[in-house]
Amino acid sequence: MARNTSKKNAKEKNIYSLAERIGNGLELPAEGLPGNAQIELCGNKKAIVSGCRGVLEYDEKNVCVSAGKLSVRFSGANLCISFYRDGEAVICGEIVSVGFSS
């Protein structure tokens, strides 16, 4: 089972790498390419993540989502996921910080 997951991840990385190279060659904006997420902050009360691939951690102080090649962590107070469907997540609450990791 792990072998299939490993092959799938390698294939996805190759697709993203190819799309990134084509996008760079055509001078396309990165946010329109596969594997890249868009994050829109509405003050410090709401974040909209388009390109969300899953929830990695979720409690009232931290929400971490997978967003293409990155993980995005929202930290704060009274955080909740008010909407999650079709690759989009809306995080509400008092957002204090946003961090990224690969």
PDB file of N, CA and C in Angstrom:
ATOM      1  N   MET A   1       0.828  -1.198   0.000  1.00  0.00           N
ATOM      2  CA  MET A   1       0.000   0.000   0.000  1.00  0.00           C
ATOM      3  C   MET A   1       0.868   1.257   0.000  1.00  0.00           C
ATOM      4  N   ALA A   2       1.907   1.287   0.810  1.00  0.00           N
ATOM      5  CA  ALA A   2       2.778   2.456   0.867  1.00  0.00           C
ATOM      6  C   ALA A   2       3.467   2.688  -0.470  1.00  0.00           C
ATOM      7  N   ARG A   3       3.767   1.610  -1.177  1.00  0.00           N
ATOM      8  CA  ARG A   3       4.425   1.735  -2.467  1.00  0.00           C
ATOM      9  C   ARG A   3       3.526   2.470  -3.451  1.00  0.00           C
ATOM     10  N   ASN A   4       2.221   2.155  -3.485  1.00  0.00           N
ATOM     11  CA  ASN A   4       1.283   2.841  -4.382  1.00  0.00           C
ATOM     12  C   ASN A   4       1.175   4.316  -4.040  1.00  0.00           C
ATOM     13  N   THR A   5       1.141   4.637  -2.756  1.00  0.00           N
ATOM     14  CA  THR A   5       1.077   6.026  -2.319  1.00  0.00           C
ATOM     15  C   THR A   5       2.336   6.767  -2.733  1.00  0.00           C
ATOM     16  N   SER A   6       3.477   6.099  -2.589  1.00  0.00           N
ATOM     17  CA  SER A   6       4.745   6.697  -2.973  1.00  0.00           C
ATOM     18  C   SER A   6       4.785   6.982  -4.470  1.00  0.00           C
ATOM     19  N   LYS A   7       4.312   6.049  -5.282  1.00  0.00           N
ATOM     20  CA  LYS A   7       4.271   6.244  -6.733  1.00  0.00           C
ATOM     21  C   LYS A   7       3.320   7.376  -7.101  1.00  0.00           C
ATOM     22  N   LYS A   8       2.177   7.437  -6.422  1.00  0.00           N
ATOM     23  CA  LYS A   8       1.194   8.489  -6.696  1.00  0.00           C
ATOM     24  C   LYS A   8       1.791   9.856  -6.354  1.00  0.00           C
ATOM     25  N   ASN A   9       2.459   9.971  -5.207  1.00  0.00           N
ATOM     26  CA  ASN A   9       3.072  11.240  -4.812  1.00  0.00           C
ATOM     27  C   ASN A   9       4.147  11.662  -5.796  1.00  0.00           C
ATOM     28  N   ALA A  10       4.966  10.712  -6.259  1.00  0.00           N
ATOM     29  CA  ALA A  10       6.011  11.031  -7.232  1.00  0.00           C
ATOM     30  C   ALA A  10       5.390  11.499  -8.544  1.00  0.00           C
ATOM     31  N   LYS A  11       4.317  10.851  -8.965  1.00  0.00           N
ATOM     32  CA  LYS A  11       3.638  11.240 -10.205  1.00  0.00           C
ATOM     33  C   LYS A  11       3.053  12.639 -10.079  1.00  0.00           C
ATOM     34  N   GLU A  12       2.419  12.949  -8.930  1.00  0.00           N
ATOM     35  CA  GLU A  12       1.863  14.288  -8.704  1.00  0.00           C
ATOM     36  C   GLU A  12       2.968  15.338  -8.731  1.00  0.00           C
ATOM     37  N   LYS A  13       4.111  15.046  -8.109  1.00  0.00           N
ATOM     38  CA  LYS A  13       5.227  15.996  -8.110  1.00  0.00           C
ATOM     39  C   LYS A  13       5.712  16.256  -9.526  1.00  0.00           C
ATOM     40  N   ASN A  14       5.790  15.185 -10.346  1.00  0.00           N
ATOM     41  CA  ASN A  14       6.218  15.356 -11.731  1.00  0.00           C
ATOM     42  C   ASN A  14       5.236  16.216 -12.510  1.00  0.00           C
ATOM     43  N   ILE A  15       3.945  16.012 -12.296  1.00  0.00           N
ATOM     44  CA  ILE A  15       2.923  16.805 -12.979  1.00  0.00           C
ATOM     45  C   ILE A  15       3.038  18.264 -12.560  1.00  0.00           C
ATOM     46  N   TYR A  16       3.195  18.515 -11.252  1.00  0.00           N
ATOM     47  CA  TYR A  16       3.326  19.888 -10.770  1.00  0.00           C
ATOM     48  C   TYR A  16       4.589  20.539 -11.314  1.00  0.00           C
ATOM     49  N   SER A  17       5.677  19.778 -11.360  1.00  0.00           N
ATOM     50  CA  SER A  17       6.933  20.303 -11.870  1.00  0.00           C
ATOM     51  C   SER A  17       6.795  20.673 -13.347  1.00  0.00           C
ATOM     52  N   LEU A  18       6.169  19.817 -14.131  1.00  0.00           N
ATOM     53  CA  LEU A  18       5.956  20.095 -15.548  1.00  0.00           C
ATOM     54  C   LEU A  18       5.061  21.314 -15.725  1.00  0.00           C
ATOM     55  N   ALA A  19       3.963  21.371 -14.962  1.00  0.00           N
ATOM     56  CA  ALA A  19       3.055  22.518 -15.057  1.00  0.00           C
ATOM     57  C   ALA A  19       3.764  23.807 -14.674  1.00  0.00           C
ATOM     58  N   GLU A  20       4.621  23.737 -13.666  1.00  0.00           N
ATOM     59  CA  GLU A  20       5.368  24.918 -13.222  1.00  0.00           C
ATOM     60  C   GLU A  20       6.334  25.389 -14.318  1.00  0.00           C
ATOM     61  N   ARG A  21       7.020  24.467 -14.949  1.00  0.00           N
ATOM     62  CA  ARG A  21       7.949  24.826 -16.024  1.00  0.00           C
ATOM     63  C   ARG A  21       7.209  25.430 -17.216  1.00  0.00           C
ATOM     64  N   ILE A  22       6.077  24.834 -17.582  1.00  0.00           N
ATOM     65  CA  ILE A  22       5.280  25.373 -18.694  1.00  0.00           C
ATOM     66  C   ILE A  22       4.769  26.761 -18.332  1.00  0.00           C
ATOM     67  N   GLY A  23       4.252  26.896 -17.109  1.00  0.00           N
ATOM     68  CA  GLY A  23       3.743  28.195 -16.647  1.00  0.00           C
ATOM     69  C   GLY A  23       4.815  29.262 -16.657  1.00  0.00           C
ATOM     70  N   ASN A  24       6.011  28.907 -16.210  1.00  0.00           N
ATOM     71  CA  ASN A  24       7.114  29.870 -16.213  1.00  0.00           C
ATOM     72  C   ASN A  24       7.486  30.262 -17.635  1.00  0.00           C
ATOM     73  N   GLY A  25       7.506  29.278 -18.529  1.00  0.00           N
ATOM     74  CA  GLY A  25       7.845  29.555 -19.922  1.00  0.00           C
ATOM     75  C   GLY A  25       6.830  30.452 -20.605  1.00  0.00           C
ATOM     76  N   LEU A  26       5.569  30.296 -20.234  1.00  0.00           N
ATOM     77  CA  LEU A  26       4.495  31.110 -20.816  1.00  0.00           C
ATOM     78  C   LEU A  26       4.221  32.369 -20.007  1.00  0.00           C
ATOM     79  N   GLU A  27       4.975  32.555 -18.928  1.00  0.00           N
ATOM     80  CA  GLU A  27       4.812  33.696 -18.027  1.00  0.00           C
ATOM     81  C   GLU A  27       3.394  33.794 -17.470  1.00  0.00           C
ATOM     82  N   LEU A  28       2.847  32.633 -17.066  1.00  0.00           N
ATOM     83  CA  LEU A  28       1.521  32.582 -16.447  1.00  0.00           C
ATOM     84  C   LEU A  28       1.658  32.854 -14.954  1.00  0.00           C
ATOM     85  N   PRO A  29       0.631  33.444 -14.335  1.00  0.00           N
ATOM     86  CA  PRO A  29       0.692  33.661 -12.879  1.00  0.00           C
ATOM     87  C   PRO A  29       0.680  32.326 -12.139  1.00  0.00           C
ATOM     88  N   ALA A  30       1.491  32.223 -11.099  1.00  0.00           N
ATOM     89  CA  ALA A  30       1.647  30.973 -10.345  1.00  0.00           C
ATOM     90  C   ALA A  30       0.345  30.508  -9.707  1.00  0.00           C
ATOM     91  N   GLU A  31      -0.519  31.425  -9.299  1.00  0.00           N
ATOM     92  CA  GLU A  31      -1.739  31.018  -8.607  1.00  0.00           C
ATOM     93  C   GLU A  31      -2.703  30.247  -9.496  1.00  0.00           C
ATOM     94  N   GLY A  32      -2.534  30.298 -10.795  1.00  0.00           N
ATOM     95  CA  GLY A  32      -3.412  29.561 -11.696  1.00  0.00           C
ATOM     96  C   GLY A  32      -2.909  28.173 -12.034  1.00  0.00           C
ATOM     97  N   LEU A  33      -1.735  27.818 -11.567  1.00  0.00           N
ATOM     98  CA  LEU A  33      -1.147  26.529 -11.891  1.00  0.00           C
ATOM     99  C   LEU A  33      -1.556  25.464 -10.886  1.00  0.00           C
ATOM    100  N   PRO A  34      -1.605  24.192 -11.326  1.00  0.00           N
ATOM    101  CA  PRO A  34      -1.948  23.106 -10.404  1.00  0.00           C
ATOM    102  C   PRO A  34      -0.954  23.035  -9.253  1.00  0.00           C
ATOM    103  N   GLY A  35      -1.462  22.700  -8.069  1.00  0.00           N
ATOM    104  CA  GLY A  35      -0.602  22.555  -6.906  1.00  0.00           C
ATOM    105  C   GLY A  35      -0.383  23.824  -6.124  1.00  0.00           C
ATOM    106  N   ASN A  36      -0.908  24.931  -6.620  1.00  0.00           N
ATOM    107  CA  ASN A  36      -0.767  26.197  -5.906  1.00  0.00           C
ATOM    108  C   ASN A  36      -2.115  26.606  -5.334  1.00  0.00           C
ATOM    109  N   ALA A  37      -2.088  27.043  -4.117  1.00  0.00           N
ATOM    110  CA  ALA A  37      -3.314  27.469  -3.458  1.00  0.00           C
ATOM    111  C   ALA A  37      -3.378  28.988  -3.419  1.00  0.00           C
ATOM    112  N   GLN A  38      -4.580  29.480  -3.290  1.00  0.00           N
ATOM    113  CA  GLN A  38      -4.779  30.910  -3.071  1.00  0.00           C
ATOM    114  C   GLN A  38      -5.372  31.085  -1.683  1.00  0.00           C
ATOM    115  N   ILE A  39      -4.862  32.074  -0.964  1.00  0.00           N
ATOM    116  CA  ILE A  39      -5.362  32.361   0.379  1.00  0.00           C
ATOM    117  C   ILE A  39      -5.795  33.809   0.407  1.00  0.00           C
ATOM    118  N   GLU A  40      -7.036  34.012   0.794  1.00  0.00           N
ATOM    119  CA  GLU A  40      -7.574  35.366   0.904  1.00  0.00           C
ATOM    120  C   GLU A  40      -7.910  35.613   2.373  1.00  0.00           C
ATOM    121  N   LEU A  41      -7.323  36.669   2.930  1.00  0.00           N
ATOM    122  CA  LEU A  41      -7.603  37.040   4.314  1.00  0.00           C
ATOM    123  C   LEU A  41      -8.579  38.206   4.331  1.00  0.00           C
ATOM    124  N   CYS A  42      -9.595  38.082   5.129  1.00  0.00           N
ATOM    125  CA  CYS A  42     -10.572  39.149   5.339  1.00  0.00           C
ATOM    126  C   CYS A  42     -10.337  39.679   6.751  1.00  0.00           C
ATOM    127  N   GLY A  43      -9.439  40.666   6.849  1.00  0.00           N
ATOM    128  CA  GLY A  43      -9.031  41.149   8.165  1.00  0.00           C
ATOM    129  C   GLY A  43      -8.350  40.019   8.909  1.00  0.00           C
ATOM    130  N   ASN A  44      -8.613  39.928  10.206  1.00  0.00           N
ATOM    131  CA  ASN A  44      -8.070  38.803  10.972  1.00  0.00           C
ATOM    132  C   ASN A  44      -9.183  37.882  11.453  1.00  0.00           C
ATOM    133  N   LYS A  45     -10.347  37.953  10.795  1.00  0.00           N
ATOM    134  CA  LYS A  45     -11.500  37.165  11.229  1.00  0.00           C
ATOM    135  C   LYS A  45     -11.851  36.011  10.300  1.00  0.00           C
ATOM    136  N   LYS A  46     -11.341  36.035   9.063  1.00  0.00           N
ATOM    137  CA  LYS A  46     -11.728  34.996   8.115  1.00  0.00           C
ATOM    138  C   LYS A  46     -10.623  34.782   7.082  1.00  0.00           C
ATOM    139  N   ALA A  47     -10.362  33.518   6.743  1.00  0.00           N
ATOM    140  CA  ALA A  47      -9.412  33.167   5.690  1.00  0.00           C
ATOM    141  C   ALA A  47     -10.099  32.190   4.750  1.00  0.00           C
ATOM    142  N   ILE A  48      -9.964  32.440   3.454  1.00  0.00           N
ATOM    143  CA  ILE A  48     -10.524  31.558   2.441  1.00  0.00           C
ATOM    144  C   ILE A  48      -9.350  30.908   1.717  1.00  0.00           C
ATOM    145  N   VAL A  49      -9.305  29.576   1.759  1.00  0.00           N
ATOM    146  CA  VAL A  49      -8.228  28.829   1.125  1.00  0.00           C
ATOM    147  C   VAL A  49      -8.803  28.075  -0.065  1.00  0.00           C
ATOM    148  N   SER A  50      -8.435  28.490  -1.273  1.00  0.00           N
ATOM    149  CA  SER A  50      -8.823  27.776  -2.484  1.00  0.00           C
ATOM    150  C   SER A  50      -7.662  26.874  -2.872  1.00  0.00           C
ATOM    151  N   GLY A  51      -7.957  25.647  -3.227  1.00  0.00           N
ATOM    152  CA  GLY A  51      -6.902  24.675  -3.514  1.00  0.00           C
ATOM    153  C   GLY A  51      -6.582  23.837  -2.295  1.00  0.00           C
ATOM    154  N   CYS A  52      -7.472  23.831  -1.318  1.00  0.00           N
ATOM    155  CA  CYS A  52      -7.289  23.055  -0.094  1.00  0.00           C
ATOM    156  C   CYS A  52      -7.462  21.565  -0.420  1.00  0.00           C
ATOM    157  N   ARG A  53      -6.498  20.755   0.034  1.00  0.00           N
ATOM    158  CA  ARG A  53      -6.538  19.327  -0.273  1.00  0.00           C
ATOM    159  C   ARG A  53      -6.851  18.470   0.945  1.00  0.00           C
ATOM    160  N   GLY A  54      -7.033  19.087   2.091  1.00  0.00           N
ATOM    161  CA  GLY A  54      -7.362  18.316   3.280  1.00  0.00           C
ATOM    162  C   GLY A  54      -7.029  19.077   4.545  1.00  0.00           C
ATOM    163  N   VAL A  55      -7.619  18.629   5.637  1.00  0.00           N
ATOM    164  CA  VAL A  55      -7.377  19.228   6.953  1.00  0.00           C
ATOM    165  C   VAL A  55      -6.385  18.342   7.691  1.00  0.00           C
ATOM    166  N   LEU A  56      -5.280  18.918   8.120  1.00  0.00           N
ATOM    167  CA  LEU A  56      -4.229  18.165   8.808  1.00  0.00           C
ATOM    168  C   LEU A  56      -4.346  18.261  10.324  1.00  0.00           C
ATOM    169  N   GLU A  57      -4.808  19.389  10.814  1.00  0.00           N
ATOM    170  CA  GLU A  57      -4.965  19.608  12.253  1.00  0.00           C
ATOM    171  C   GLU A  57      -6.102  20.594  12.450  1.00  0.00           C
ATOM    172  N   TYR A  58      -6.883  20.379  13.506  1.00  0.00           N
ATOM    173  CA  TYR A  58      -8.030  21.252  13.715  1.00  0.00           C
ATOM    174  C   TYR A  58      -8.404  21.287  15.188  1.00  0.00           C
ATOM    175  N   ASP A  59      -8.222  22.426  15.812  1.00  0.00           N
ATOM    176  CA  ASP A  59      -8.768  22.680  17.140  1.00  0.00           C
ATOM    177  C   ASP A  59      -9.014  24.183  17.247  1.00  0.00           C
ATOM    178  N   GLU A  60      -9.448  24.660  18.405  1.00  0.00           N
ATOM    179  CA  GLU A  60      -9.842  26.072  18.500  1.00  0.00           C
ATOM    180  C   GLU A  60      -8.667  27.053  18.453  1.00  0.00           C
ATOM    181  N   LYS A  61      -7.437  26.548  18.599  1.00  0.00           N
ATOM    182  CA  LYS A  61      -6.263  27.431  18.552  1.00  0.00           C
ATOM    183  C   LYS A  61      -5.445  27.290  17.270  1.00  0.00           C
ATOM    184  N   ASN A  62      -5.557  26.151  16.578  1.00  0.00           N
ATOM    185  CA  ASN A  62      -4.774  25.902  15.367  1.00  0.00           C
ATOM    186  C   ASN A  62      -5.602  25.170  14.323  1.00  0.00           C
ATOM    187  N   VAL A  63      -5.479  25.625  13.078  1.00  0.00           N
ATOM    188  CA  VAL A  63      -6.047  24.907  11.944  1.00  0.00           C
ATOM    189  C   VAL A  63      -4.924  24.805  10.920  1.00  0.00           C
ATOM    190  N   CYS A  64      -4.620  23.577  10.518  1.00  0.00           N
ATOM    191  CA  CYS A  64      -3.575  23.356   9.529  1.00  0.00           C
ATOM    192  C   CYS A  64      -4.198  22.600   8.362  1.00  0.00           C
ATOM    193  N   VAL A  65      -4.025  23.131   7.148  1.00  0.00           N
ATOM    194  CA  VAL A  65      -4.588  22.508   5.958  1.00  0.00           C
ATOM    195  C   VAL A  65      -3.487  22.226   4.951  1.00  0.00           C
ATOM    196  N   SER A  66      -3.709  21.202   4.145  1.00  0.00           N
ATOM    197  CA  SER A  66      -2.821  20.901   3.037  1.00  0.00           C
ATOM    198  C   SER A  66      -3.294  21.731   1.855  1.00  0.00           C
ATOM    199  N   ALA A  67      -2.366  22.453   1.254  1.00  0.00           N
ATOM    200  CA  ALA A  67      -2.710  23.332   0.139  1.00  0.00           C
ATOM    201  C   ALA A  67      -1.693  23.142  -0.977  1.00  0.00           C
ATOM    202  N   GLY A  68      -1.882  22.098  -1.756  1.00  0.00           N
ATOM    203  CA  GLY A  68      -0.944  21.814  -2.826  1.00  0.00           C
ATOM    204  C   GLY A  68       0.388  21.377  -2.271  1.00  0.00           C
ATOM    205  N   LYS A  69       1.431  22.105  -2.609  1.00  0.00           N
ATOM    206  CA  LYS A  69       2.778  21.753  -2.174  1.00  0.00           C
ATOM    207  C   LYS A  69       3.072  22.188  -0.745  1.00  0.00           C
ATOM    208  N   LEU A  70       2.210  23.001  -0.166  1.00  0.00           N
ATOM    209  CA  LEU A  70       2.448  23.568   1.162  1.00  0.00           C
ATOM    210  C   LEU A  70       1.407  23.125   2.171  1.00  0.00           C
ATOM    211  N   SER A  71       1.785  23.221   3.422  1.00  0.00           N
ATOM    212  CA  SER A  71       0.834  23.146   4.524  1.00  0.00           C
ATOM    213  C   SER A  71       0.707  24.571   5.051  1.00  0.00           C
ATOM    214  N   VAL A  72      -0.515  24.970   5.353  1.00  0.00           N
ATOM    215  CA  VAL A  72      -0.769  26.314   5.855  1.00  0.00           C
ATOM    216  C   VAL A  72      -1.370  26.192   7.242  1.00  0.00           C
ATOM    217  N   ARG A  73      -0.741  26.843   8.230  1.00  0.00           N
ATOM    218  CA  ARG A  73      -1.214  26.803   9.615  1.00  0.00           C
ATOM    219  C   ARG A  73      -1.745  28.172  10.015  1.00  0.00           C
ATOM    220  N   PHE A  74      -2.984  28.173  10.482  1.00  0.00           N
ATOM    221  CA  PHE A  74      -3.604  29.372  11.035  1.00  0.00           C
ATOM    222  C   PHE A  74      -3.632  29.192  12.541  1.00  0.00           C
ATOM    223  N   SER A  75      -3.135  30.180  13.274  1.00  0.00           N
ATOM    224  CA  SER A  75      -3.138  30.129  14.737  1.00  0.00           C
ATOM    225  C   SER A  75      -3.919  31.315  15.262  1.00  0.00           C
ATOM    226  N   GLY A  76      -4.585  31.111  16.385  1.00  0.00           N
ATOM    227  CA  GLY A  76      -5.363  32.184  16.968  1.00  0.00           C
ATOM    228  C   GLY A  76      -6.264  31.678  18.075  1.00  0.00           C
ATOM    229  N   ALA A  77      -7.473  32.232  18.126  1.00  0.00           N
ATOM    230  CA  ALA A  77      -8.442  31.870  19.166  1.00  0.00           C
ATOM    231  C   ALA A  77      -9.808  31.657  18.535  1.00  0.00           C
ATOM    232  N   ASN A  78     -10.553  30.717  19.094  1.00  0.00           N
ATOM    233  CA  ASN A  78     -11.915  30.407  18.631  1.00  0.00           C
ATOM    234  C   ASN A  78     -11.970  30.099  17.140  1.00  0.00           C
ATOM    235  N   LEU A  79     -10.957  29.399  16.632  1.00  0.00           N
ATOM    236  CA  LEU A  79     -10.919  29.072  15.211  1.00  0.00           C
ATOM    237  C   LEU A  79     -11.873  27.935  14.894  1.00  0.00           C
ATOM    238  N   CYS A  80     -12.484  28.018  13.738  1.00  0.00           N
ATOM    239  CA  CYS A  80     -13.345  26.942  13.267  1.00  0.00           C
ATOM    240  C   CYS A  80     -13.327  26.929  11.740  1.00  0.00           C
ATOM    241  N   ILE A  81     -13.644  25.784  11.182  1.00  0.00           N
ATOM    242  CA  ILE A  81     -13.796  25.676   9.737  1.00  0.00           C
ATOM    243  C   ILE A  81     -15.285  25.804   9.465  1.00  0.00           C
ATOM    244  N   SER A  82     -15.687  26.934   8.914  1.00  0.00           N
ATOM    245  CA  SER A  82     -17.114  27.180   8.705  1.00  0.00           C
ATOM    246  C   SER A  82     -17.606  26.617   7.377  1.00  0.00           C
ATOM    247  N   PHE A  83     -16.679  26.311   6.465  1.00  0.00           N
ATOM    248  CA  PHE A  83     -17.054  25.754   5.170  1.00  0.00           C
ATOM    249  C   PHE A  83     -15.891  24.935   4.641  1.00  0.00           C
ATOM    250  N   TYR A  84     -16.195  23.754   4.100  1.00  0.00           N
ATOM    251  CA  TYR A  84     -15.158  22.937   3.473  1.00  0.00           C
ATOM    252  C   TYR A  84     -15.819  22.071   2.413  1.00  0.00           C
ATOM    253  N   ARG A  85     -15.503  22.372   1.141  1.00  0.00           N
ATOM    254  CA  ARG A  85     -16.037  21.566   0.052  1.00  0.00           C
ATOM    255  C   ARG A  85     -15.342  21.940  -1.243  1.00  0.00           C
ATOM    256  N   ASP A  86     -15.197  20.961  -2.120  1.00  0.00           N
ATOM    257  CA  ASP A  86     -14.666  21.165  -3.469  1.00  0.00           C
ATOM    258  C   ASP A  86     -13.360  21.961  -3.486  1.00  0.00           C
ATOM    259  N   GLY A  87     -12.452  21.610  -2.596  1.00  0.00           N
ATOM    260  CA  GLY A  87     -11.139  22.253  -2.599  1.00  0.00           C
ATOM    261  C   GLY A  87     -11.112  23.643  -2.013  1.00  0.00           C
ATOM    262  N   GLU A  88     -12.148  24.011  -1.282  1.00  0.00           N
ATOM    263  CA  GLU A  88     -12.164  25.330  -0.654  1.00  0.00           C
ATOM    264  C   GLU A  88     -12.507  25.181   0.823  1.00  0.00           C
ATOM    265  N   ALA A  89     -11.770  25.908   1.656  1.00  0.00           N
ATOM    266  CA  ALA A  89     -12.011  25.915   3.096  1.00  0.00           C
ATOM    267  C   ALA A  89     -12.099  27.359   3.567  1.00  0.00           C
ATOM    268  N   VAL A  90     -13.007  27.594   4.503  1.00  0.00           N
ATOM    269  CA  VAL A  90     -13.134  28.916   5.116  1.00  0.00           C
ATOM    270  C   VAL A  90     -12.882  28.743   6.606  1.00  0.00           C
ATOM    271  N   ILE A  91     -11.857  29.435   7.083  1.00  0.00           N
ATOM    272  CA  ILE A  91     -11.492  29.388   8.497  1.00  0.00           C
ATOM    273  C   ILE A  91     -11.918  30.705   9.136  1.00  0.00           C
ATOM    274  N   CYS A  92     -12.681  30.617  10.212  1.00  0.00           N
ATOM    275  CA  CYS A  92     -13.165  31.808  10.911  1.00  0.00           C
ATOM    276  C   CYS A  92     -12.666  31.797  12.353  1.00  0.00           C
ATOM    277  N   GLY A  93     -12.660  32.963  12.957  1.00  0.00           N
ATOM    278  CA  GLY A  93     -12.210  33.135  14.335  1.00  0.00           C
ATOM    279  C   GLY A  93     -11.275  34.324  14.400  1.00  0.00           C
ATOM    280  N   GLU A  94     -10.501  34.384  15.448  1.00  0.00           N
ATOM    281  CA  GLU A  94      -9.514  35.458  15.584  1.00  0.00           C
ATOM    282  C   GLU A  94      -8.158  34.919  15.138  1.00  0.00           C
ATOM    283  N   ILE A  95      -7.776  35.229  13.895  1.00  0.00           N
ATOM    284  CA  ILE A  95      -6.528  34.738  13.324  1.00  0.00           C
ATOM    285  C   ILE A  95      -5.386  35.655  13.761  1.00  0.00           C
ATOM    286  N   VAL A  96      -4.398  35.064  14.441  1.00  0.00           N
ATOM    287  CA  VAL A  96      -3.260  35.821  14.944  1.00  0.00           C
ATOM    288  C   VAL A  96      -2.059  35.681  14.014  1.00  0.00           C
ATOM    289  N   SER A  97      -1.881  34.475  13.447  1.00  0.00           N
ATOM    290  CA  SER A  97      -0.750  34.270  12.549  1.00  0.00           C
ATOM    291  C   SER A  97      -1.071  33.210  11.492  1.00  0.00           C
ATOM    292  N   VAL A  98      -0.331  33.312  10.384  1.00  0.00           N
ATOM    293  CA  VAL A  98      -0.436  32.349   9.301  1.00  0.00           C
ATOM    294  C   VAL A  98       0.992  31.902   8.981  1.00  0.00           C
ATOM    295  N   GLY A  99       1.204  30.589   8.964  1.00  0.00           N
ATOM    296  CA  GLY A  99       2.531  30.057   8.680  1.00  0.00           C
ATOM    297  C   GLY A  99       2.475  29.020   7.573  1.00  0.00           C
ATOM    298  N   PHE A 100       3.604  28.842   6.904  1.00  0.00           N
ATOM    299  CA  PHE A 100       3.687  27.926   5.781  1.00  0.00           C
ATOM    300  C   PHE A 100       4.825  26.936   6.004  1.00  0.00           C
ATOM    301  N   SER A 101       4.637  25.700   5.560  1.00  0.00           N
ATOM    302  CA  SER A 101       5.716  24.713   5.556  1.00  0.00           C
ATOM    303  C   SER A 101       5.543  23.807   4.353  1.00  0.00           C
ATOM    304  N   SER A 102       6.646  23.231   3.939  1.00  0.00           N
ATOM    305  CA  SER A 102       6.575  22.351   2.760  1.00  0.00           C
ATOM    306  C   SER A 102       6.695  20.902   3.153  1.00  0.00           C
TER     307      SER A 102
END
